[in-house]
Amino acid sequence: PLLQNPHSERNEMRVVGIGTWESELWGTDPLPMYGAGHCKWFNVRMGFGFISMTSRGGNPIDPPMDVFVHQSKLHMEGFRSLKEGEAVEFTFKKSSKGLECVRVTGPGGVHCVGSEKRPKGKSMQQKRKPKGDRCYNCGGLDHHAKECCLPPQPKKCHYCQSATHMVAHCPHKASSQSWNCTSDCRGFLFTSFPSGSEL
């Protein structure tokens, strides 16, 4: 059962028998509350975690309460994260999802320390396809055309790299295949057959 708290200016309600402030229903009060505690865990890749709140408004809380924290709310420079166990002070509010930090600092309002961990990104080798990558400008296998340090080169055959013809007219490619016309090709539809094969 819910009872009205006559001593509260905000007209807070408490659940009888629970006795902790977590069960308060704050209604439409948008003012953030003050808390202190330590980082319970923080995922540096996803940029969020939870703070274990051990005091609210200077009053100890037992057992500690979990408060959601997003990296955008951390008071620090550079890559924003929290180190597990790091002492923090914060303002928070109650949302439809639970308790959320509004601003998080170190003790006394200093910058948060943060985690030494950084999200693991893919290396250039992992991002690139393992085979078949080639610079269309110079033909090199160690980079793409957008990374090529040479000026634009003349167009060349993609099969043999000759500048005298294009792949459609490559004699080296033609020698490895026989071009045969199908019976209904009318001179423009071709089917490729390996050398030495017959219809």
Protein backbone atom coordinates (compact mmCIF):
# COMPACT_ATOMS: atom_id res chain seq x y z
CA PRO A 1 0.00 0.00 0.00
CA LEU A 2 1.12 3.55 -0.71
CA LEU A 3 1.06 6.24 1.98
CA GLN A 4 1.30 9.99 1.50
CA ASN A 5 4.35 11.52 3.21
CA PRO A 6 3.01 14.70 4.86
CA HIS A 7 6.52 15.95 5.76
CA SER A 8 7.76 16.21 2.19
CA GLU A 9 7.60 19.42 0.17
CA ARG A 10 7.57 17.33 -3.01
CA ASN A 11 4.70 15.22 -1.71
CA GLU A 12 6.72 12.01 -2.13
CA MET A 13 5.10 8.64 -1.69
CA ARG A 14 6.72 5.60 -0.08
CA VAL A 15 5.91 1.93 -0.21
CA VAL A 16 5.13 0.78 3.32
CA GLY A 17 7.50 -1.92 4.55
CA ILE A 18 10.31 -1.32 2.03
CA GLY A 19 12.01 1.56 3.85
CA THR A 20 14.47 2.49 1.08
CA TRP A 21 14.31 5.62 -1.03
CA GLU A 22 14.40 3.49 -4.21
CA SER A 23 10.71 2.81 -3.84
CA GLU A 24 9.84 6.52 -3.90
CA LEU A 25 7.61 7.67 -6.67
CA TRP A 26 8.98 11.02 -7.79
CA GLY A 27 6.12 11.93 -10.06
CA THR A 28 6.90 14.94 -12.26
CA ASP A 29 9.83 16.31 -10.24
CA PRO A 30 12.58 16.89 -12.86
CA LEU A 31 15.25 18.05 -10.39
CA PRO A 32 18.32 15.80 -10.33
CA MET A 33 19.45 14.25 -7.05
CA TYR A 34 23.01 14.10 -5.69
CA GLY A 35 24.79 10.79 -5.13
CA ALA A 36 28.24 9.29 -4.55
CA GLY A 37 29.70 5.85 -4.99
CA HIS A 38 31.98 3.90 -7.29
CA CYS A 39 31.93 2.40 -10.77
CA LYS A 40 30.46 -1.09 -10.64
CA TRP A 41 31.32 -1.86 -14.29
CA PHE A 42 31.75 0.04 -17.55
CA ASN A 43 31.83 -1.29 -21.13
CA VAL A 44 34.34 0.89 -23.00
CA ARG A 45 33.24 -0.41 -26.42
CA MET A 46 29.54 0.33 -25.88
CA GLY A 47 30.14 3.47 -23.80
CA PHE A 48 27.94 2.73 -20.80
CA GLY A 49 27.90 1.00 -17.44
CA PHE A 50 26.60 1.22 -13.88
CA ILE A 51 27.62 3.11 -10.78
CA SER A 52 27.07 1.56 -7.37
CA MET A 53 25.57 4.43 -5.33
CA THR A 54 26.61 4.20 -1.67
CA SER A 55 25.22 7.57 -0.53
CA ARG A 56 22.44 9.90 -1.59
CA GLY A 57 22.51 13.56 -0.58
CA GLY A 58 25.28 12.77 1.94
CA ASN A 59 23.30 9.98 3.63
CA PRO A 60 24.63 6.39 3.40
CA ILE A 61 22.58 3.83 1.48
CA ASP A 62 22.61 0.16 2.41
CA PRO A 63 22.46 -1.84 0.23
CA PRO A 64 24.01 0.24 -2.59
CA MET A 65 21.84 1.09 -5.60
CA ASP A 66 22.75 0.74 -9.29
CA VAL A 67 22.62 3.91 -11.41
CA PHE A 68 23.01 3.79 -15.19
CA VAL A 69 25.81 5.92 -16.66
CA HIS A 70 26.49 6.83 -20.32
CA GLN A 71 29.90 8.07 -21.45
CA SER A 72 28.39 11.40 -22.61
CA LYS A 73 27.67 12.29 -18.95
CA LEU A 74 31.29 11.88 -17.76
CA HIS A 75 33.25 15.01 -16.80
CA MET A 76 36.64 14.36 -18.41
CA GLU A 77 38.70 15.12 -21.50
CA GLY A 78 39.54 12.76 -24.35
CA PHE A 79 38.14 9.24 -24.47
CA ARG A 80 35.39 9.03 -21.85
CA SER A 81 35.07 5.91 -19.68
CA LEU A 82 35.12 4.80 -16.06
CA LYS A 83 37.53 2.44 -14.35
CA GLU A 84 35.97 -0.36 -12.33
CA GLY A 85 35.99 0.67 -8.65
CA GLU A 86 36.68 4.35 -9.45
CA ALA A 87 35.18 6.73 -6.85
CA VAL A 88 32.65 9.16 -8.34
CA GLU A 89 30.17 11.86 -7.40
CA PHE A 90 27.15 12.47 -9.60
CA THR A 91 23.75 13.94 -10.10
CA PHE A 92 21.03 11.60 -11.24
CA LYS A 93 17.35 11.42 -12.06
CA LYS A 94 14.69 8.78 -12.24
CA SER A 95 13.50 7.95 -15.76
CA SER A 96 11.08 5.40 -17.17
CA LYS A 97 14.02 2.95 -17.36
CA GLY A 98 15.29 3.50 -13.82
CA LEU A 99 17.98 5.70 -12.28
CA GLU A 100 20.25 7.55 -14.75
CA CYS A 101 23.27 9.79 -14.23
CA VAL A 102 22.96 13.39 -15.41
CA ARG A 103 26.60 14.37 -14.73
CA VAL A 104 29.47 12.34 -13.27
CA THR A 105 32.72 13.70 -11.79
CA GLY A 106 35.53 12.48 -9.62
CA PRO A 107 35.45 13.28 -5.86
CA GLY A 108 35.17 17.05 -5.28
CA GLY A 109 34.12 17.74 -8.88
CA VAL A 110 37.46 16.85 -10.49
CA HIS A 111 37.72 15.02 -13.82
CA CYS A 112 36.97 11.30 -13.84
CA VAL A 113 40.05 9.06 -14.06
CA GLY A 114 38.68 6.63 -16.66
CA SER A 115 39.76 3.19 -17.77
CA GLU A 116 43.08 2.40 -19.44
CA LYS A 117 41.18 0.04 -21.76
CA ARG A 118 40.20 1.19 -25.23
CA PRO A 119 37.77 -0.45 -27.63
CA LYS A 120 39.46 -2.91 -29.94
CA GLY A 121 39.12 -1.77 -33.56
CA LYS A 122 39.83 -3.80 -36.65
CA SER A 123 43.33 -3.44 -38.03
CA MET A 124 43.84 -2.37 -41.64
CA GLN A 125 44.65 -5.98 -42.55
CA GLN A 126 41.37 -7.20 -41.02
CA LYS A 127 39.35 -4.49 -42.77
CA ARG A 128 40.74 -5.32 -46.18
CA LYS A 129 39.85 -8.39 -48.15
CA PRO A 130 42.66 -10.93 -47.85
CA LYS A 131 42.85 -11.57 -51.62
CA GLY A 132 42.09 -9.74 -54.81
CA ASP A 133 42.78 -6.19 -53.62
CA ARG A 134 44.84 -4.28 -56.13
CA CYS A 135 45.48 -0.62 -56.88
CA TYR A 136 43.67 0.22 -60.11
CA ASN A 137 46.14 3.04 -60.75
CA CYS A 138 49.54 1.28 -60.53
CA GLY A 139 48.60 -2.38 -60.03
CA GLY A 140 50.22 -2.63 -56.59
CA LEU A 141 48.85 -5.21 -54.14
CA ASP A 142 49.64 -3.31 -50.93
CA HIS A 143 47.18 -0.42 -51.33
CA HIS A 144 44.07 0.89 -53.13
CA ALA A 145 43.92 3.56 -55.85
CA LYS A 146 42.73 6.20 -53.37
CA GLU A 147 45.94 5.62 -51.35
CA CYS A 148 48.26 5.52 -54.40
CA CYS A 149 51.13 8.02 -54.25
CA LEU A 150 51.63 7.99 -58.04
CA PRO A 151 49.85 10.45 -60.34
CA PRO A 152 47.00 9.00 -62.45
CA GLN A 153 48.48 6.39 -64.79
CA PRO A 154 47.31 5.61 -68.34
CA LYS A 155 44.54 3.02 -68.58
CA LYS A 156 45.74 -0.53 -69.02
CA CYS A 157 44.51 -4.07 -69.38
CA HIS A 158 43.36 -5.49 -66.03
CA TYR A 159 44.41 -9.00 -67.13
CA CYS A 160 48.05 -8.49 -68.25
CA GLN A 161 48.68 -4.84 -67.21
CA SER A 162 49.63 -3.78 -70.77
CA ALA A 163 48.93 -0.15 -71.75
CA THR A 164 48.50 -1.10 -75.44
CA HIS A 165 45.00 -2.62 -75.06
CA MET A 166 42.07 -3.16 -72.69
CA VAL A 167 40.98 -6.46 -71.13
CA ALA A 168 38.23 -6.96 -73.73
CA HIS A 169 40.91 -7.25 -76.45
CA CYS A 170 43.68 -8.93 -74.43
CA PRO A 171 45.60 -11.46 -76.57
CA HIS A 172 46.88 -13.23 -73.44
CA LYS A 173 43.37 -13.76 -72.12
CA ALA A 174 42.10 -14.81 -75.56
CA SER A 175 44.88 -17.41 -75.89
CA SER A 176 43.75 -19.05 -72.67
CA GLN A 177 40.14 -19.27 -73.90
CA SER A 178 38.44 -20.03 -77.19
CA TRP A 179 35.49 -17.84 -78.08
CA ASN A 180 32.71 -19.72 -79.80
CA CYS A 181 29.42 -18.36 -80.99
CA THR A 182 26.25 -20.16 -79.89
CA SER A 183 23.85 -21.27 -82.61
CA ASP A 184 21.44 -18.38 -81.99
CA CYS A 185 24.05 -15.65 -81.29
CA ARG A 186 23.48 -13.58 -84.48
CA GLY A 187 27.06 -12.38 -84.17
CA PHE A 188 26.95 -10.62 -80.81
CA LEU A 189 26.29 -13.15 -78.02
CA PHE A 190 29.39 -15.18 -77.14
CA THR A 191 29.99 -18.05 -74.77
CA SER A 192 33.46 -18.73 -73.41
CA PHE A 193 34.87 -22.26 -73.55
CA PRO A 194 38.29 -23.36 -72.28
CA SER A 195 40.93 -24.08 -74.95
CA GLY A 196 40.61 -27.48 -76.59
CA SER A 197 36.95 -28.00 -75.70
CA GLU A 198 34.34 -28.61 -78.35
CA LEU A 199 30.62 -27.93 -78.60
